[in-house]
Amino acid sequence: MTANPKTGKKLRVTLLKSPYGTGKSHMATVRGLGLRRRHHTVELEDTSAVRGMINKVAYMVKCEEI
């Protein structure tokens, strides 16, 4: 699902669980989302790339549409 530039949908993503011990690719995905530490929240554009990254580490993050 790609975001429509006219609607400007955003996602609020919060890191709930530490990525340490999960493997290099999951740690890199969390860093790619811009999350730095537990309970850190970022707002991201709703694109298919971001949705894919969130799906990969869904067990570590909380996502809500804004």
Protein backbone atom coordinates (compact mmCIF):
# COMPACT_ATOMS: atom_id res chain seq x y z
CA MET A 1 0.00 0.00 0.00
CA THR A 2 1.58 3.28 -1.02
CA ALA A 3 0.78 6.59 0.58
CA ASN A 4 -1.08 9.19 -1.39
CA PRO A 5 0.97 12.42 -1.30
CA LYS A 6 -2.24 14.45 -1.11
CA THR A 7 -3.46 12.77 2.07
CA GLY A 8 -0.04 12.80 3.76
CA LYS A 9 -0.71 9.81 5.99
CA LYS A 10 1.81 9.22 8.72
CA LEU A 11 2.62 6.40 11.09
CA ARG A 12 3.76 6.73 14.69
CA VAL A 13 6.21 3.91 15.49
CA THR A 14 7.45 3.16 19.03
CA LEU A 15 10.18 0.68 19.94
CA LEU A 16 8.93 -1.52 22.79
CA LYS A 17 11.61 -4.19 22.98
CA SER A 18 15.39 -3.95 22.72
CA PRO A 19 16.77 -5.15 19.38
CA TYR A 20 19.92 -6.62 20.97
CA GLY A 21 20.16 -10.35 20.50
CA THR A 22 17.77 -10.40 17.52
CA GLY A 23 20.31 -10.53 14.70
CA LYS A 24 22.06 -7.97 12.57
CA SER A 25 19.32 -7.54 9.97
CA HIS A 26 16.63 -6.80 12.59
CA MET A 27 18.94 -4.38 14.40
CA ALA A 28 19.63 -2.63 11.08
CA THR A 29 15.91 -2.45 10.32
CA VAL A 30 15.18 -0.81 13.67
CA ARG A 31 17.99 1.69 13.04
CA GLY A 32 16.66 2.29 9.51
CA LEU A 33 13.28 3.23 10.98
CA GLY A 34 15.09 5.88 13.03
CA LEU A 35 14.50 4.21 16.39
CA ARG A 36 17.40 4.57 18.80
CA ARG A 37 16.33 3.21 22.20
CA ARG A 38 13.39 1.57 23.96
CA HIS A 39 10.24 3.72 24.13
CA HIS A 40 11.61 6.05 21.44
CA THR A 41 8.86 7.22 19.06
CA VAL A 42 9.21 8.49 15.50
CA GLU A 43 6.68 9.66 12.91
CA LEU A 44 7.21 8.26 9.42
CA GLU A 45 5.52 8.60 6.02
CA ASP A 46 3.12 5.76 5.26
CA THR A 47 4.88 4.05 2.34
CA SER A 48 5.17 0.43 1.32
CA ALA A 49 8.89 0.40 2.21
CA VAL A 50 8.21 1.61 5.74
CA ARG A 51 5.31 -0.86 6.11
CA GLY A 52 7.64 -3.69 5.09
CA MET A 53 10.24 -2.66 7.65
CA ILE A 54 7.57 -2.47 10.35
CA ASN A 55 6.27 -5.94 9.41
CA LYS A 56 9.79 -7.37 9.70
CA VAL A 57 10.20 -6.20 13.31
CA ALA A 58 6.51 -6.18 14.29
CA TYR A 59 7.22 -8.12 17.49
CA MET A 60 9.39 -5.23 18.73
CA VAL A 61 7.40 -2.15 17.74
CA LYS A 62 3.99 -0.58 18.18
CA CYS A 63 2.53 1.20 15.16
CA GLU A 64 -0.44 3.57 14.96
CA GLU A 65 -1.80 5.71 12.13
CA ILE A 66 -2.06 9.45 12.68
